[in-house]
Amino acid sequence: MYRLLSLVLVLSTLGACAQTSESGVRTDLDVNEVSQLMQDGKEIVLIDVRTPQEYEQGHLEGAELMNIYDADFESRMNELDKEKEYVVYCRSGGRSGKAAAKMEKLGFTNIHNMKGGILAWNRAGLETKK
């Protein structure tokens, strides 16, 4: 019985740590992976879903501000090219995770949520723009 409970616990933990959505179009990337994509010149669209005040305090170079709290957030998302590759981030990863899930429901095909958000980016000593 103990082994069965241990196995269930391990499997549920692995499921909670999964980095890919069931459909495979949404993944989590850590800040170093995002930084590498940017350095490699990979054609990605950076979406910052924080408030304008947060954005002004520091953001990733080239990031487009799309405040998740704006009433027109979803309609603005719908105007984007659903075939491009996107990296979405916020302060700590919560709002961007919700935004990435929303993008997946809207039909986007290649979405990455930056785990830990701008806080993790700053902790890693990576550069931001003001």
Protein backbone atom coordinates (compact mmCIF):
# COMPACT_ATOMS: atom_id res chain seq x y z
CA MET A 1 0.00 0.00 0.00
CA TYR A 2 2.84 2.37 0.88
CA ARG A 3 4.45 1.79 -2.54
CA LEU A 4 1.18 2.49 -4.32
CA LEU A 5 0.72 5.75 -2.42
CA SER A 6 4.33 6.73 -3.15
CA LEU A 7 3.84 6.03 -6.84
CA VAL A 8 0.64 8.11 -6.93
CA LEU A 9 2.42 10.98 -5.16
CA VAL A 10 5.37 10.89 -7.59
CA LEU A 11 3.11 10.78 -10.65
CA SER A 12 0.94 13.65 -9.42
CA THR A 13 4.05 15.73 -8.71
CA LEU A 14 5.39 15.09 -12.19
CA GLY A 15 2.07 16.14 -13.69
CA ALA A 16 2.14 19.39 -11.72
CA CYS A 17 5.61 20.18 -13.06
CA ALA A 18 4.72 19.55 -16.70
CA GLN A 19 5.96 22.28 -18.97
CA THR A 20 3.74 21.65 -21.95
CA SER A 21 0.01 22.05 -22.27
CA GLU A 22 -2.06 19.05 -23.32
CA SER A 23 -2.24 20.36 -26.88
CA GLY A 24 1.50 21.01 -27.03
CA VAL A 25 1.19 24.63 -28.20
CA ARG A 26 1.97 26.25 -24.83
CA THR A 27 5.19 25.68 -22.89
CA ASP A 28 6.98 27.23 -19.95
CA LEU A 29 10.51 28.51 -20.48
CA ASP A 30 12.89 29.74 -17.83
CA VAL A 31 14.56 33.13 -18.19
CA ASN A 32 17.82 31.66 -19.46
CA GLU A 33 15.98 29.86 -22.26
CA VAL A 34 14.18 33.08 -23.22
CA SER A 35 17.45 35.01 -23.12
CA GLN A 36 19.05 32.40 -25.37
CA LEU A 37 16.19 32.66 -27.89
CA MET A 38 16.72 36.42 -27.98
CA GLN A 39 20.50 36.12 -28.34
CA ASP A 40 20.12 33.55 -31.13
CA GLY A 41 18.08 36.07 -33.09
CA LYS A 42 15.09 33.73 -33.04
CA GLU A 43 12.05 35.48 -34.48
CA ILE A 44 9.84 35.71 -31.40
CA VAL A 45 7.28 38.25 -30.26
CA LEU A 46 7.67 39.34 -26.64
CA ILE A 47 4.41 40.24 -24.88
CA ASP A 48 4.49 41.96 -21.48
CA VAL A 49 1.07 41.58 -19.84
CA ARG A 50 1.77 43.83 -16.84
CA THR A 51 0.40 47.30 -16.18
CA PRO A 52 1.94 50.37 -17.86
CA GLN A 53 3.47 51.40 -14.51
CA GLU A 54 5.18 48.02 -14.12
CA TYR A 55 6.36 48.14 -17.73
CA GLU A 56 7.98 51.55 -17.19
CA GLN A 57 9.99 50.16 -14.27
CA GLY A 58 11.79 47.81 -16.67
CA HIS A 59 10.88 45.46 -19.50
CA LEU A 60 12.53 43.15 -22.01
CA GLU A 61 13.91 44.92 -25.05
CA GLY A 62 11.38 44.87 -27.87
CA ALA A 63 8.48 43.71 -25.67
CA GLU A 64 5.02 44.87 -26.57
CA LEU A 65 2.86 45.98 -23.64
CA MET A 66 -0.57 44.34 -23.59
CA ASN A 67 -2.01 44.86 -20.11
CA ILE A 68 -4.03 41.78 -19.20
CA TYR A 69 -6.37 43.98 -17.12
CA ASP A 70 -7.39 46.14 -20.11
CA ALA A 71 -10.97 45.63 -21.30
CA ASP A 72 -9.75 45.17 -24.88
CA PHE A 73 -7.00 42.66 -24.01
CA GLU A 74 -8.62 39.70 -25.71
CA SER A 75 -9.58 41.66 -28.84
CA ARG A 76 -5.99 42.99 -29.11
CA MET A 77 -4.69 39.43 -28.79
CA ASN A 78 -7.05 38.36 -31.57
CA GLU A 79 -5.42 40.91 -33.90
CA LEU A 80 -2.01 39.21 -33.60
CA ASP A 81 -0.70 36.63 -36.07
CA LYS A 82 -1.59 33.29 -34.51
CA GLU A 83 1.21 31.47 -36.36
CA LYS A 84 4.12 33.47 -34.89
CA GLU A 85 6.11 32.37 -31.85
CA TYR A 86 5.30 34.27 -28.66
CA VAL A 87 6.95 34.66 -25.26
CA VAL A 88 4.57 36.08 -22.66
CA TYR A 89 5.72 37.41 -19.30
CA CYS A 90 4.55 39.40 -16.29
CA ARG A 91 5.93 40.15 -12.84
CA SER A 92 6.19 36.60 -11.49
CA GLY A 93 4.52 34.26 -14.00
CA GLY A 94 0.89 34.13 -12.86
CA ARG A 95 -0.73 36.63 -15.20
CA SER A 96 1.39 35.49 -18.13
CA GLY A 97 0.34 31.89 -17.52
CA LYS A 98 -3.30 32.98 -17.71
CA ALA A 99 -2.59 35.05 -20.83
CA ALA A 100 -0.81 32.13 -22.51
CA ALA A 101 -3.75 29.84 -21.75
CA LYS A 102 -6.12 32.44 -23.19
CA MET A 103 -3.95 32.71 -26.32
CA GLU A 104 -4.07 28.95 -26.73
CA LYS A 105 -7.88 29.04 -26.57
CA LEU A 106 -7.86 31.81 -29.20
CA GLY A 107 -5.96 29.53 -31.59
CA PHE A 108 -2.32 30.58 -31.22
CA THR A 109 0.01 27.75 -32.13
CA ASN A 110 3.37 28.53 -30.45
CA ILE A 111 3.27 30.19 -27.02
CA HIS A 112 5.83 30.27 -24.23
CA ASN A 113 5.20 31.50 -20.69
CA MET A 114 8.37 32.90 -19.09
CA LYS A 115 8.53 31.18 -15.69
CA GLY A 116 9.16 33.52 -12.79
CA GLY A 117 8.47 36.62 -14.87
CA ILE A 118 10.53 39.80 -14.73
CA LEU A 119 11.46 39.06 -11.11
CA ALA A 120 13.30 35.91 -12.19
CA TRP A 121 14.82 37.82 -15.13
CA ASN A 122 16.19 40.45 -12.75
CA ARG A 123 17.44 37.82 -10.26
CA ALA A 124 19.38 36.21 -13.11
CA GLY A 125 21.11 39.58 -13.72
CA LEU A 126 19.69 39.92 -17.23
CA GLU A 127 19.23 43.36 -18.79
CA THR A 128 15.96 45.27 -18.97
CA LYS A 129 15.02 48.51 -20.73
CA LYS A 130 13.29 51.52 -19.21
